[in-house]
């Protein structure tokens, strides 16, 4: 792999033959691992299938929604994938946006940072001791489990599965450094955000826990659109950036990056179900702020700069509203620019 840099890919649920082919291709080009995301269904089914089609790739949930299933179910699912894959599971879990949790899944969101902290603690305990029959009562404010009679049928492949947390805001970045094994950054992260917020806040969390930086994997997700036709790349990435801005929970993030007015206009247009107005409100400057756009050489230089402070990358093609052929074009451009 170019520069011995570590890259991850993203795989969606696909028909079996197509999923197997995609996973084998990711392994063949030397990727570190693949993430299966959760927007609707759980990522563990996709990861179990990916485990059967690969021998080396790490298999990450990027990310599983932490609050929509019990910590016991999350831990058991991670252990199952770890067993099937021979110890290649990476458990990425996060809170996501409030309304997805409350309106779609009908679960309590609460205060996301303490809620996530507690979920991680309980999940870790089950992974480490669930086979021993010694867990007893465990929980806190959000979870109250009586596991006196719980004992897994067999010892796990590993009693420590790496846990990665996502982060868009400072407190979540610090939590990831403190209690996580890695951070899988939000894919709408700007280059400025990586340097000014993610890196220093992860360090604060690591310092609080007394953990060395070398013990932690800072995996930065970025939307990347290599294309000699910059104007076309901006137009095709615009719907992806607008998709995130329509969530009012992200408004302060866009404002902190200098695009609060645009984000509010996009959210208002989304409420009115006016897609054309959403796209008009998402300016070229906004798109270029939240995605790495330019010729292959230009995007490579920008990624090289970011690589000085992070450990691994998940480079994502724009995907909203452009169709499979164009998504495939950008995935191919990313592969030729960074993996060849």
C-alpha atoms as a PDB file:
ATOM      1  CA  UNK A   1       0.000   0.000   0.000  1.00  0.00           C
ATOM      2  CA  UNK A   2       1.265   3.465  -0.850  1.00  0.00           C
ATOM      3  CA  UNK A   3       3.334   4.962   1.968  1.00  0.00           C
ATOM      4  CA  UNK A   4       2.386   1.962   4.149  1.00  0.00           C
ATOM      5  CA  UNK A   5      -0.589   4.040   5.218  1.00  0.00           C
ATOM      6  CA  UNK A   6      -3.582   2.262   6.750  1.00  0.00           C
ATOM      7  CA  UNK A   7      -6.914   2.670   4.981  1.00  0.00           C
ATOM      8  CA  UNK A   8     -10.366   1.281   5.723  1.00  0.00           C
ATOM      9  CA  UNK A   9     -13.280   0.821   3.354  1.00  0.00           C
ATOM     10  CA  UNK A  10     -17.048   0.904   3.863  1.00  0.00           C
ATOM     11  CA  UNK A  11     -19.378  -1.880   2.736  1.00  0.00           C
ATOM     12  CA  UNK A  12     -23.179  -1.756   2.625  1.00  0.00           C
ATOM     13  CA  UNK A  13     -25.500  -4.769   2.797  1.00  0.00           C
ATOM     14  CA  UNK A  14     -25.402  -6.381  -0.651  1.00  0.00           C
ATOM     15  CA  UNK A  15     -26.568  -9.623  -2.256  1.00  0.00           C
ATOM     16  CA  UNK A  16     -24.259 -12.417  -1.165  1.00  0.00           C
ATOM     17  CA  UNK A  17     -22.172 -12.768  -4.317  1.00  0.00           C
ATOM     18  CA  UNK A  18     -21.692  -9.004  -4.670  1.00  0.00           C
ATOM     19  CA  UNK A  19     -20.809  -8.563  -1.011  1.00  0.00           C
ATOM     20  CA  UNK A  20     -18.279 -11.387  -1.161  1.00  0.00           C
ATOM     21  CA  UNK A  21     -16.664  -9.905  -4.256  1.00  0.00           C
ATOM     22  CA  UNK A  22     -16.455  -6.442  -2.686  1.00  0.00           C
ATOM     23  CA  UNK A  23     -14.888  -7.785   0.506  1.00  0.00           C
ATOM     24  CA  UNK A  24     -12.344  -9.874  -1.390  1.00  0.00           C
ATOM     25  CA  UNK A  25     -11.420  -6.833  -3.461  1.00  0.00           C
ATOM     26  CA  UNK A  26     -10.878  -4.771  -0.288  1.00  0.00           C
ATOM     27  CA  UNK A  27      -8.600  -7.481   1.040  1.00  0.00           C
ATOM     28  CA  UNK A  28      -6.726  -7.842  -2.244  1.00  0.00           C
ATOM     29  CA  UNK A  29      -5.848  -4.140  -2.467  1.00  0.00           C
ATOM     30  CA  UNK A  30      -4.455  -4.180   1.069  1.00  0.00           C
ATOM     31  CA  UNK A  31      -7.041  -2.311   3.125  1.00  0.00           C
ATOM     32  CA  UNK A  32      -6.708  -2.512   6.891  1.00  0.00           C
ATOM     33  CA  UNK A  33     -10.376  -3.286   7.375  1.00  0.00           C
ATOM     34  CA  UNK A  34     -13.948  -2.606   6.347  1.00  0.00           C
ATOM     35  CA  UNK A  35     -16.715  -0.837   8.226  1.00  0.00           C
ATOM     36  CA  UNK A  36     -20.400  -1.736   8.042  1.00  0.00           C
ATOM     37  CA  UNK A  37     -22.535   1.229   9.011  1.00  0.00           C
ATOM     38  CA  UNK A  38     -25.889   1.393  10.757  1.00  0.00           C
ATOM     39  CA  UNK A  39     -28.435   3.769   9.362  1.00  0.00           C
ATOM     40  CA  UNK A  40     -31.345   1.330   9.391  1.00  0.00           C
ATOM     41  CA  UNK A  41     -30.428  -2.302  10.004  1.00  0.00           C
ATOM     42  CA  UNK A  42     -27.691  -3.506  12.350  1.00  0.00           C
ATOM     43  CA  UNK A  43     -24.166  -3.818  10.915  1.00  0.00           C
ATOM     44  CA  UNK A  44     -23.383  -7.204  12.457  1.00  0.00           C
ATOM     45  CA  UNK A  45     -25.174  -9.243   9.784  1.00  0.00           C
ATOM     46  CA  UNK A  46     -23.060  -7.644   7.041  1.00  0.00           C
ATOM     47  CA  UNK A  47     -19.906  -8.150   9.096  1.00  0.00           C
ATOM     48  CA  UNK A  48     -20.681 -11.833   9.650  1.00  0.00           C
ATOM     49  CA  UNK A  49     -20.996 -12.308   5.906  1.00  0.00           C
ATOM     50  CA  UNK A  50     -17.794 -10.313   5.322  1.00  0.00           C
ATOM     51  CA  UNK A  51     -15.970 -12.557   7.775  1.00  0.00           C
ATOM     52  CA  UNK A  52     -16.761 -15.575   5.598  1.00  0.00           C
ATOM     53  CA  UNK A  53     -15.358 -13.863   2.488  1.00  0.00           C
ATOM     54  CA  UNK A  54     -12.048 -12.703   4.015  1.00  0.00           C
ATOM     55  CA  UNK A  55      -9.137 -13.955   6.072  1.00  0.00           C
ATOM     56  CA  UNK A  56      -7.218 -10.821   7.089  1.00  0.00           C
ATOM     57  CA  UNK A  57      -9.464  -7.751   7.044  1.00  0.00           C
ATOM     58  CA  UNK A  58     -10.536  -6.211  10.315  1.00  0.00           C
ATOM     59  CA  UNK A  59     -14.319  -6.028  10.540  1.00  0.00           C
ATOM     60  CA  UNK A  60     -15.726  -2.890  12.119  1.00  0.00           C
ATOM     61  CA  UNK A  61     -19.185  -1.678  13.007  1.00  0.00           C
ATOM     62  CA  UNK A  62     -18.862   1.920  11.913  1.00  0.00           C
ATOM     63  CA  UNK A  63     -20.891   2.641  13.906  1.00  0.00           C
ATOM     64  CA  UNK A  64     -23.542   0.532  15.589  1.00  0.00           C
ATOM     65  CA  UNK A  65     -26.147   2.653  17.352  1.00  0.00           C
ATOM     66  CA  UNK A  66     -25.313   2.221  21.014  1.00  0.00           C
ATOM     67  CA  UNK A  67     -28.704   2.887  22.566  1.00  0.00           C
ATOM     68  CA  UNK A  68     -31.089   0.962  20.299  1.00  0.00           C
ATOM     69  CA  UNK A  69     -30.147  -2.472  21.638  1.00  0.00           C
ATOM     70  CA  UNK A  70     -29.160  -3.663  25.093  1.00  0.00           C
ATOM     71  CA  UNK A  71     -25.455  -3.762  26.006  1.00  0.00           C
ATOM     72  CA  UNK A  72     -25.811  -7.524  26.321  1.00  0.00           C
ATOM     73  CA  UNK A  73     -27.041  -7.874  22.747  1.00  0.00           C
ATOM     74  CA  UNK A  74     -24.316  -5.542  21.436  1.00  0.00           C
ATOM     75  CA  UNK A  75     -21.596  -7.453  23.302  1.00  0.00           C
ATOM     76  CA  UNK A  76     -22.962 -10.817  22.169  1.00  0.00           C
ATOM     77  CA  UNK A  77     -23.150  -9.667  18.528  1.00  0.00           C
ATOM     78  CA  UNK A  78     -19.556  -8.416  18.649  1.00  0.00           C
ATOM     79  CA  UNK A  79     -18.411 -11.694  20.204  1.00  0.00           C
ATOM     80  CA  UNK A  80     -20.226 -13.676  17.507  1.00  0.00           C
ATOM     81  CA  UNK A  81     -18.486 -11.754  14.709  1.00  0.00           C
ATOM     82  CA  UNK A  82     -15.173 -12.156  16.539  1.00  0.00           C
ATOM     83  CA  UNK A  83     -15.740 -15.916  16.724  1.00  0.00           C
ATOM     84  CA  UNK A  84     -16.741 -16.230  13.065  1.00  0.00           C
ATOM     85  CA  UNK A  85     -13.759 -14.144  11.916  1.00  0.00           C
ATOM     86  CA  UNK A  86     -11.144 -15.602  14.232  1.00  0.00           C
ATOM     87  CA  UNK A  87     -10.596 -12.396  16.218  1.00  0.00           C
ATOM     88  CA  UNK A  88     -11.003  -9.587  13.683  1.00  0.00           C
ATOM     89  CA  UNK A  89     -13.967  -7.640  15.117  1.00  0.00           C
ATOM     90  CA  UNK A  90     -13.718  -3.918  15.918  1.00  0.00           C
ATOM     91  CA  UNK A  91     -16.756  -2.605  17.782  1.00  0.00           C
ATOM     92  CA  UNK A  92     -17.607   0.941  16.795  1.00  0.00           C
ATOM     93  CA  UNK A  93     -20.582   2.268  18.772  1.00  0.00           C
ATOM     94  CA  UNK A  94     -22.086   5.721  19.071  1.00  0.00           C
ATOM     95  CA  UNK A  95     -25.241   7.634  19.949  1.00  0.00           C
ATOM     96  CA  UNK A  96     -26.136   9.084  16.508  1.00  0.00           C
ATOM     97  CA  UNK A  97     -28.787  11.815  16.401  1.00  0.00           C
ATOM     98  CA  UNK A  98     -31.536  12.070  18.990  1.00  0.00           C
ATOM     99  CA  UNK A  99     -34.543  11.822  16.688  1.00  0.00           C
ATOM    100  CA  UNK A 100     -33.320   8.633  15.027  1.00  0.00           C
ATOM    101  CA  UNK A 101     -33.177   6.998  18.455  1.00  0.00           C
ATOM    102  CA  UNK A 102     -36.429   8.378  19.811  1.00  0.00           C
ATOM    103  CA  UNK A 103     -38.642   8.521  16.713  1.00  0.00           C
ATOM    104  CA  UNK A 104     -37.382   5.575  14.665  1.00  0.00           C
ATOM    105  CA  UNK A 105     -36.322   3.126  17.364  1.00  0.00           C
ATOM    106  CA  UNK A 106     -38.445   4.351  20.269  1.00  0.00           C
ATOM    107  CA  UNK A 107     -35.626   4.268  22.827  1.00  0.00           C
ATOM    108  CA  UNK A 108     -34.375   6.705  25.451  1.00  0.00           C
ATOM    109  CA  UNK A 109     -31.566   8.962  24.262  1.00  0.00           C
ATOM    110  CA  UNK A 110     -30.866  10.701  27.556  1.00  0.00           C
ATOM    111  CA  UNK A 111     -27.621  12.573  27.961  1.00  0.00           C
ATOM    112  CA  UNK A 112     -25.527  10.990  25.225  1.00  0.00           C
ATOM    113  CA  UNK A 113     -22.061  11.243  26.791  1.00  0.00           C
ATOM    114  CA  UNK A 114     -22.871   9.639  30.173  1.00  0.00           C
ATOM    115  CA  UNK A 115     -25.201   7.203  28.395  1.00  0.00           C
ATOM    116  CA  UNK A 116     -22.424   6.133  26.014  1.00  0.00           C
ATOM    117  CA  UNK A 117     -19.852   5.950  28.808  1.00  0.00           C
ATOM    118  CA  UNK A 118     -22.108   3.568  30.726  1.00  0.00           C
ATOM    119  CA  UNK A 119     -22.851   1.477  27.652  1.00  0.00           C
ATOM    120  CA  UNK A 120     -19.126   1.038  26.959  1.00  0.00           C
ATOM    121  CA  UNK A 121     -18.466   0.004  30.565  1.00  0.00           C
ATOM    122  CA  UNK A 122     -21.213  -2.621  30.553  1.00  0.00           C
ATOM    123  CA  UNK A 123     -20.308  -3.959  27.096  1.00  0.00           C
ATOM    124  CA  UNK A 124     -16.646  -4.309  28.071  1.00  0.00           C
ATOM    125  CA  UNK A 125     -17.578  -6.211  31.220  1.00  0.00           C
ATOM    126  CA  UNK A 126     -19.747  -8.669  29.278  1.00  0.00           C
ATOM    127  CA  UNK A 127     -17.067  -9.245  26.627  1.00  0.00           C
ATOM    128  CA  UNK A 128     -14.409  -9.832  29.280  1.00  0.00           C
ATOM    129  CA  UNK A 129     -16.382 -11.918  31.779  1.00  0.00           C
ATOM    130  CA  UNK A 130     -19.556 -13.144  30.103  1.00  0.00           C
ATOM    131  CA  UNK A 131     -18.118 -16.651  29.754  1.00  0.00           C
ATOM    132  CA  UNK A 132     -17.175 -16.851  33.429  1.00  0.00           C
ATOM    133  CA  UNK A 133     -20.613 -16.674  35.028  1.00  0.00           C
ATOM    134  CA  UNK A 134     -19.317 -14.039  37.449  1.00  0.00           C
ATOM    135  CA  UNK A 135     -20.935 -10.845  36.188  1.00  0.00           C
ATOM    136  CA  UNK A 136     -23.750 -10.558  38.720  1.00  0.00           C
ATOM    137  CA  UNK A 137     -25.610  -7.251  38.794  1.00  0.00           C
ATOM    138  CA  UNK A 138     -24.216  -4.573  36.547  1.00  0.00           C
ATOM    139  CA  UNK A 139     -25.344  -1.211  35.275  1.00  0.00           C
ATOM    140  CA  UNK A 140     -25.996   2.339  36.431  1.00  0.00           C
ATOM    141  CA  UNK A 141     -28.334   5.157  35.473  1.00  0.00           C
ATOM    142  CA  UNK A 142     -29.340   3.783  32.062  1.00  0.00           C
ATOM    143  CA  UNK A 143     -28.905   0.026  32.441  1.00  0.00           C
ATOM    144  CA  UNK A 144     -29.802  -2.251  35.341  1.00  0.00           C
ATOM    145  CA  UNK A 145     -28.940  -5.828  34.448  1.00  0.00           C
ATOM    146  CA  UNK A 146     -29.036  -8.906  36.644  1.00  0.00           C
ATOM    147  CA  UNK A 147     -26.616 -11.327  35.029  1.00  0.00           C
ATOM    148  CA  UNK A 148     -26.364 -13.765  37.926  1.00  0.00           C
ATOM    149  CA  UNK A 149     -27.570 -16.598  35.676  1.00  0.00           C
ATOM    150  CA  UNK A 150     -25.786 -15.470  32.512  1.00  0.00           C
ATOM    151  CA  UNK A 151     -22.902 -17.557  31.205  1.00  0.00           C
ATOM    152  CA  UNK A 152     -21.835 -17.906  27.578  1.00  0.00           C
ATOM    153  CA  UNK A 153     -21.606 -21.418  26.200  1.00  0.00           C
ATOM    154  CA  UNK A 154     -17.891 -21.148  25.380  1.00  0.00           C
ATOM    155  CA  UNK A 155     -14.900 -18.940  26.057  1.00  0.00           C
ATOM    156  CA  UNK A 156     -14.503 -16.123  23.510  1.00  0.00           C
ATOM    157  CA  UNK A 157     -11.719 -15.851  20.966  1.00  0.00           C
ATOM    158  CA  UNK A 158     -10.651 -12.679  22.808  1.00  0.00           C
ATOM    159  CA  UNK A 159     -11.731 -11.110  26.076  1.00  0.00           C
ATOM    160  CA  UNK A 160     -10.883  -7.660  24.730  1.00  0.00           C
ATOM    161  CA  UNK A 161     -12.474  -6.464  21.495  1.00  0.00           C
ATOM    162  CA  UNK A 162     -11.327  -2.953  20.481  1.00  0.00           C
ATOM    163  CA  UNK A 163     -14.031  -0.346  20.962  1.00  0.00           C
ATOM    164  CA  UNK A 164     -14.028   2.752  18.768  1.00  0.00           C
ATOM    165  CA  UNK A 165     -16.239   5.749  19.490  1.00  0.00           C
ATOM    166  CA  UNK A 166     -17.370   8.394  16.992  1.00  0.00           C
ATOM    167  CA  UNK A 167     -17.102  12.080  17.762  1.00  0.00           C
ATOM    168  CA  UNK A 168     -18.235  15.348  16.290  1.00  0.00           C
ATOM    169  CA  UNK A 169     -17.991  17.537  19.405  1.00  0.00           C
ATOM    170  CA  UNK A 170     -15.259  18.036  21.984  1.00  0.00           C
ATOM    171  CA  UNK A 171     -16.753  16.067  24.880  1.00  0.00           C
ATOM    172  CA  UNK A 172     -17.229  13.019  22.669  1.00  0.00           C
ATOM    173  CA  UNK A 173     -13.651  13.315  21.399  1.00  0.00           C
ATOM    174  CA  UNK A 174     -12.383  13.380  24.967  1.00  0.00           C
ATOM    175  CA  UNK A 175     -14.557  10.402  25.907  1.00  0.00           C
ATOM    176  CA  UNK A 176     -13.141   8.421  22.984  1.00  0.00           C
ATOM    177  CA  UNK A 177      -9.605   9.104  24.163  1.00  0.00           C
ATOM    178  CA  UNK A 178     -10.473   8.251  27.748  1.00  0.00           C
ATOM    179  CA  UNK A 179     -12.476   5.014  27.408  1.00  0.00           C
ATOM    180  CA  UNK A 180     -11.997   3.893  23.791  1.00  0.00           C
ATOM    181  CA  UNK A 181      -9.332   2.036  21.860  1.00  0.00           C
ATOM    182  CA  UNK A 182      -9.854   4.294  18.882  1.00  0.00           C
ATOM    183  CA  UNK A 183     -11.908   7.069  17.372  1.00  0.00           C
ATOM    184  CA  UNK A 184     -13.836   6.732  14.131  1.00  0.00           C
ATOM    185  CA  UNK A 185     -14.465  10.370  13.332  1.00  0.00           C
ATOM    186  CA  UNK A 186     -17.685  11.697  11.895  1.00  0.00           C
ATOM    187  CA  UNK A 187     -17.500  11.532   8.080  1.00  0.00           C
ATOM    188  CA  UNK A 188     -18.473  15.191   7.731  1.00  0.00           C
ATOM    189  CA  UNK A 189     -15.302  16.252   9.576  1.00  0.00           C
ATOM    190  CA  UNK A 190     -13.506  19.208   8.028  1.00  0.00           C
ATOM    191  CA  UNK A 191      -9.741  19.385   7.685  1.00  0.00           C
ATOM    192  CA  UNK A 192      -9.756  22.311  10.131  1.00  0.00           C
ATOM    193  CA  UNK A 193     -11.765  20.249  12.630  1.00  0.00           C
ATOM    194  CA  UNK A 194      -9.196  17.433  12.535  1.00  0.00           C
ATOM    195  CA  UNK A 195      -6.308  19.707  13.467  1.00  0.00           C
ATOM    196  CA  UNK A 196      -8.017  22.148  15.812  1.00  0.00           C
ATOM    197  CA  UNK A 197     -10.540  19.966  17.633  1.00  0.00           C
ATOM    198  CA  UNK A 198     -10.123  16.218  17.151  1.00  0.00           C
ATOM    199  CA  UNK A 199      -6.399  15.834  17.780  1.00  0.00           C
ATOM    200  CA  UNK A 200      -6.124  18.024  20.913  1.00  0.00           C
ATOM    201  CA  UNK A 201      -9.347  16.739  22.479  1.00  0.00           C
ATOM    202  CA  UNK A 202      -8.451  13.095  21.979  1.00  0.00           C
ATOM    203  CA  UNK A 203      -5.176  13.899  23.718  1.00  0.00           C
ATOM    204  CA  UNK A 204      -7.073  15.379  26.667  1.00  0.00           C
ATOM    205  CA  UNK A 205      -9.007  12.142  27.032  1.00  0.00           C
ATOM    206  CA  UNK A 206      -5.883  10.015  26.758  1.00  0.00           C
ATOM    207  CA  UNK A 207      -4.118  12.161  29.345  1.00  0.00           C
ATOM    208  CA  UNK A 208      -7.072  11.884  31.735  1.00  0.00           C
ATOM    209  CA  UNK A 209      -6.907   8.092  31.515  1.00  0.00           C
ATOM    210  CA  UNK A 210      -3.096   8.000  31.636  1.00  0.00           C
ATOM    211  CA  UNK A 211      -2.957   6.231  28.275  1.00  0.00           C
ATOM    212  CA  UNK A 212      -0.109   6.665  25.752  1.00  0.00           C
ATOM    213  CA  UNK A 213      -0.964   8.023  22.321  1.00  0.00           C
ATOM    214  CA  UNK A 214       0.509   4.855  20.799  1.00  0.00           C
ATOM    215  CA  UNK A 215      -2.276   2.788  22.389  1.00  0.00           C
ATOM    216  CA  UNK A 216      -4.976   4.593  20.416  1.00  0.00           C
ATOM    217  CA  UNK A 217      -6.030   4.489  16.752  1.00  0.00           C
ATOM    218  CA  UNK A 218      -7.241   7.835  15.426  1.00  0.00           C
ATOM    219  CA  UNK A 219      -9.199   6.821  12.338  1.00  0.00           C
ATOM    220  CA  UNK A 220     -10.406   9.860  10.410  1.00  0.00           C
ATOM    221  CA  UNK A 221     -13.336   9.547   8.042  1.00  0.00           C
ATOM    222  CA  UNK A 222     -13.436  12.055   5.198  1.00  0.00           C
ATOM    223  CA  UNK A 223     -15.543  12.562   2.119  1.00  0.00           C
ATOM    224  CA  UNK A 224     -13.146  12.575  -0.819  1.00  0.00           C
ATOM    225  CA  UNK A 225     -14.021  13.336  -4.444  1.00  0.00           C
ATOM    226  CA  UNK A 226     -10.940  13.137  -6.689  1.00  0.00           C
ATOM    227  CA  UNK A 227     -11.927  14.540 -10.067  1.00  0.00           C
ATOM    228  CA  UNK A 228     -10.056  16.680 -12.577  1.00  0.00           C
ATOM    229  CA  UNK A 229     -13.386  18.429 -13.157  1.00  0.00           C
ATOM    230  CA  UNK A 230     -13.664  20.250  -9.813  1.00  0.00           C
ATOM    231  CA  UNK A 231     -16.970  21.866 -10.721  1.00  0.00           C
ATOM    232  CA  UNK A 232     -18.523  18.461 -11.362  1.00  0.00           C
ATOM    233  CA  UNK A 233     -17.099  17.061  -8.114  1.00  0.00           C
ATOM    234  CA  UNK A 234     -18.589  19.942  -6.121  1.00  0.00           C
ATOM    235  CA  UNK A 235     -22.006  19.467  -7.730  1.00  0.00           C
ATOM    236  CA  UNK A 236     -21.968  15.726  -7.093  1.00  0.00           C
ATOM    237  CA  UNK A 237     -20.813  16.094  -3.474  1.00  0.00           C
ATOM    238  CA  UNK A 238     -23.317  18.844  -2.648  1.00  0.00           C
ATOM    239  CA  UNK A 239     -26.252  16.502  -1.806  1.00  0.00           C
ATOM    240  CA  UNK A 240     -24.068  14.541   0.635  1.00  0.00           C
ATOM    241  CA  UNK A 241     -23.016  17.664   2.552  1.00  0.00           C
ATOM    242  CA  UNK A 242     -26.601  18.958   2.540  1.00  0.00           C
ATOM    243  CA  UNK A 243     -27.807  15.630   3.960  1.00  0.00           C
ATOM    244  CA  UNK A 244     -25.836  16.202   7.168  1.00  0.00           C
ATOM    245  CA  UNK A 245     -26.742  19.874   7.423  1.00  0.00           C
ATOM    246  CA  UNK A 246     -30.466  19.095   7.460  1.00  0.00           C
ATOM    247  CA  UNK A 247     -30.039  17.599  10.966  1.00  0.00           C
ATOM    248  CA  UNK A 248     -30.519  20.463  13.438  1.00  0.00           C
ATOM    249  CA  UNK A 249     -28.416  18.567  15.998  1.00  0.00           C
ATOM    250  CA  UNK A 250     -25.386  19.367  13.806  1.00  0.00           C
ATOM    251  CA  UNK A 251     -26.121  23.081  13.466  1.00  0.00           C
ATOM    252  CA  UNK A 252     -23.563  24.184  16.043  1.00  0.00           C
ATOM    253  CA  UNK A 253     -20.900  22.142  14.266  1.00  0.00           C
ATOM    254  CA  UNK A 254     -21.544  23.856  10.943  1.00  0.00           C
ATOM    255  CA  UNK A 255     -21.680  27.211  12.730  1.00  0.00           C
ATOM    256  CA  UNK A 256     -18.308  26.564  14.383  1.00  0.00           C
ATOM    257  CA  UNK A 257     -16.887  25.972  10.915  1.00  0.00           C
ATOM    258  CA  UNK A 258     -18.370  29.210   9.590  1.00  0.00           C
ATOM    259  CA  UNK A 259     -21.484  27.816   7.884  1.00  0.00           C
ATOM    260  CA  UNK A 260     -24.239  28.227  10.465  1.00  0.00           C
ATOM    261  CA  UNK A 261     -26.451  30.376   8.233  1.00  0.00           C
ATOM    262  CA  UNK A 262     -26.258  27.895   5.379  1.00  0.00           C
ATOM    263  CA  UNK A 263     -26.993  24.958   7.694  1.00  0.00           C
ATOM    264  CA  UNK A 264     -30.068  26.686   9.090  1.00  0.00           C
ATOM    265  CA  UNK A 265     -31.333  27.390   5.584  1.00  0.00           C
ATOM    266  CA  UNK A 266     -30.790  23.765   4.574  1.00  0.00           C
ATOM    267  CA  UNK A 267     -32.618  22.504   7.668  1.00  0.00           C
ATOM    268  CA  UNK A 268     -35.533  24.865   7.003  1.00  0.00           C
ATOM    269  CA  UNK A 269     -35.744  23.695   3.386  1.00  0.00           C
ATOM    270  CA  UNK A 270     -35.674  20.070   4.555  1.00  0.00           C
ATOM    271  CA  UNK A 271     -38.575  20.760   6.904  1.00  0.00           C
ATOM    272  CA  UNK A 272     -40.468  22.178   3.938  1.00  0.00           C
ATOM    273  CA  UNK A 273     -39.450  19.118   1.861  1.00  0.00           C
ATOM    274  CA  UNK A 274     -37.918  21.452  -0.718  1.00  0.00           C
ATOM    275  CA  UNK A 275     -34.907  19.537  -2.023  1.00  0.00           C
ATOM    276  CA  UNK A 276     -34.015  22.164  -4.606  1.00  0.00           C
ATOM    277  CA  UNK A 277     -33.839  24.856  -1.923  1.00  0.00           C
ATOM    278  CA  UNK A 278     -31.650  22.593   0.205  1.00  0.00           C
ATOM    279  CA  UNK A 279     -29.126  22.288  -2.587  1.00  0.00           C
ATOM    280  CA  UNK A 280     -29.207  26.010  -3.379  1.00  0.00           C
ATOM    281  CA  UNK A 281     -28.452  26.802   0.278  1.00  0.00           C
ATOM    282  CA  UNK A 282     -25.431  24.461   0.247  1.00  0.00           C
ATOM    283  CA  UNK A 283     -22.843  26.718  -1.390  1.00  0.00           C
ATOM    284  CA  UNK A 284     -19.716  25.657  -3.258  1.00  0.00           C
ATOM    285  CA  UNK A 285     -17.610  26.980  -0.385  1.00  0.00           C
ATOM    286  CA  UNK A 286     -19.560  24.828   2.072  1.00  0.00           C
ATOM    287  CA  UNK A 287     -19.038  21.705  -0.022  1.00  0.00           C
ATOM    288  CA  UNK A 288     -15.292  22.348  -0.300  1.00  0.00           C
ATOM    289  CA  UNK A 289     -15.078  22.904   3.449  1.00  0.00           C
ATOM    290  CA  UNK A 290     -16.523  19.516   4.379  1.00  0.00           C
ATOM    291  CA  UNK A 291     -15.110  17.353   1.591  1.00  0.00           C
ATOM    292  CA  UNK A 292     -11.675  16.896   0.055  1.00  0.00           C
ATOM    293  CA  UNK A 293     -12.233  17.911  -3.572  1.00  0.00           C
ATOM    294  CA  UNK A 294      -9.851  18.446  -6.470  1.00  0.00           C
ATOM    295  CA  UNK A 295      -7.603  16.606  -8.868  1.00  0.00           C
ATOM    296  CA  UNK A 296      -6.079  13.343  -7.624  1.00  0.00           C
ATOM    297  CA  UNK A 297      -2.784  15.137  -6.940  1.00  0.00           C
ATOM    298  CA  UNK A 298      -4.544  17.899  -5.009  1.00  0.00           C
ATOM    299  CA  UNK A 299      -6.551  15.553  -2.783  1.00  0.00           C
ATOM    300  CA  UNK A 300      -3.467  13.401  -2.210  1.00  0.00           C
ATOM    301  CA  UNK A 301      -1.522  16.420  -0.933  1.00  0.00           C
ATOM    302  CA  UNK A 302      -4.299  17.311   1.493  1.00  0.00           C
ATOM    303  CA  UNK A 303      -4.534  13.758   2.818  1.00  0.00           C
ATOM    304  CA  UNK A 304      -0.731  13.667   3.182  1.00  0.00           C
ATOM    305  CA  UNK A 305      -0.956  16.725   5.418  1.00  0.00           C
ATOM    306  CA  UNK A 306      -3.669  15.212   7.604  1.00  0.00           C
ATOM    307  CA  UNK A 307      -1.689  11.953   7.816  1.00  0.00           C
ATOM    308  CA  UNK A 308       0.913  13.761   9.908  1.00  0.00           C
ATOM    309  CA  UNK A 309      -1.458  13.759  12.913  1.00  0.00           C
ATOM    310  CA  UNK A 310      -3.746  10.729  12.445  1.00  0.00           C
ATOM    311  CA  UNK A 311      -3.198   6.977  12.311  1.00  0.00           C
ATOM    312  CA  UNK A 312      -5.577   5.657   9.670  1.00  0.00           C
ATOM    313  CA  UNK A 313      -8.194   6.825   7.193  1.00  0.00           C
ATOM    314  CA  UNK A 314     -11.642   5.891   5.982  1.00  0.00           C
ATOM    315  CA  UNK A 315     -12.037   7.710   2.666  1.00  0.00           C
ATOM    316  CA  UNK A 316     -15.671   7.875   1.588  1.00  0.00           C
ATOM    317  CA  UNK A 317     -17.087   8.673  -1.816  1.00  0.00           C
ATOM    318  CA  UNK A 318     -20.035  11.083  -1.980  1.00  0.00           C
ATOM    319  CA  UNK A 319     -23.143   8.947  -2.219  1.00  0.00           C
ATOM    320  CA  UNK A 320     -26.344  10.954  -1.771  1.00  0.00           C
ATOM    321  CA  UNK A 321     -28.414  11.530  -4.885  1.00  0.00           C
ATOM    322  CA  UNK A 322     -25.844  10.669  -7.564  1.00  0.00           C
ATOM    323  CA  UNK A 323     -26.521   7.031  -8.442  1.00  0.00           C
ATOM    324  CA  UNK A 324     -24.426   3.892  -8.358  1.00  0.00           C
ATOM    325  CA  UNK A 325     -22.387   4.617 -11.484  1.00  0.00           C
ATOM    326  CA  UNK A 326     -21.033   7.901 -10.120  1.00  0.00           C
ATOM    327  CA  UNK A 327     -20.432   6.442  -6.670  1.00  0.00           C
ATOM    328  CA  UNK A 328     -18.444   3.736  -8.431  1.00  0.00           C
ATOM    329  CA  UNK A 329     -16.475   6.379 -10.332  1.00  0.00           C
ATOM    330  CA  UNK A 330     -15.391   8.096  -7.104  1.00  0.00           C
ATOM    331  CA  UNK A 331     -14.598   4.813  -5.379  1.00  0.00           C
ATOM    332  CA  UNK A 332     -12.393   3.909  -8.337  1.00  0.00           C
ATOM    333  CA  UNK A 333     -10.702   7.324  -8.223  1.00  0.00           C
ATOM    334  CA  UNK A 334     -10.040   6.933  -4.498  1.00  0.00           C
ATOM    335  CA  UNK A 335      -8.587   3.466  -5.053  1.00  0.00           C
ATOM    336  CA  UNK A 336      -6.286   4.601  -7.843  1.00  0.00           C
ATOM    337  CA  UNK A 337      -5.186   7.694  -5.928  1.00  0.00           C
ATOM    338  CA  UNK A 338      -4.529   6.122  -2.554  1.00  0.00           C
ATOM    339  CA  UNK A 339      -4.434   2.320  -2.675  1.00  0.00           C
ATOM    340  CA  UNK A 340      -2.629   1.480  -5.914  1.00  0.00           C
END
